[in-house]
Amino acid sequence: MAEIIDLKSLIEKFLNDESKGNKEALFKKGIDGEPLEDLKNAKIYNEFSLQHELGIFLRDEIKKLDPNFKVQFERNVKDFYSDIRYDDKLLEDGDFVKHEMDIVIFKDFEENSEKYAIELKFPTNGAYPKRMYQFIEDIQFMEENWRKLKFKKTYCLALIFDKAEGYLFREWGKNSGKKSDNPIYQFFRGESKPDLGPRDFTNKHKIDKTTHEFQKLKVIGSYPIKWIPIGSTGYHYYLIEIPNDSKITI
């Protein structure tokens, strides 16, 4: 059964279509392609504002398709796995790398009902490579929701702004020695990037509360990171859809 909601197209419309019925654009345009210098008039200025504005937009758009769908924020996965079995055992908290979904779209909690989830990232203070590992964590989390909770599709959206060295999430800096930098950089920076998966990652920026060792992350699908510019605003984003067209073998 085909899904009712083309969520990928709706997210792209939100990011790129200035006509959304709003009097002001989400991303105030820079001058002659220069990055935006003043964020005071922008509707998207941090991660929470991205979550808020995208959720409101999706709620309005999805209501036109089917008013029975709910668009909610910060839902815990435990609300969706009561009595669900995976690999011959009941699901529990430890089966997920994270627990709170940024945006979830659903009609009910039934196992086979049409459900979608979105994880968002909008780093505004650098902190790479720590934030890059958080990108990976989001992808693993959304793979788990699709695979274990049988969500129809899940998504990871990362947004960056080139001001204050935001471009270093997608480009090598002038003083960056590629051979000496953290290997996580290669998956996000530059024109030619290897797919994120399938592969394992060790996040030396986070200690696992259970094992008391560095966090182990695992990406099962294949996801090439492509940063897409939003006009001349100085913003770029990537959007991962799970499952995608790369013949995912989860």
Foldseek 3Di string as FASTA:
>chain_A
DDDLDPVVVLVVCLLAPQPLVDPGRQFDFDPPLAADDDCPPHQDDAFVSVLVSSLVSCLVVVCVRPVLKDKDAFAFCVQQQVPFDDPRHGDDPVLALDTTFGIKIFNHNDQPGAIETEHEEEDDADPPPLVLVVLLSRQQRQLSCCPRSVHVKYKYKYKYFPPPNSCQQAAADPPDDCVPDDVSSQQRYDDDHAWPDQDKDFAPVDADPVVRHTDIGGHQFTHRFDWDDRPSNRMTMGMDMPPDDRPGDD
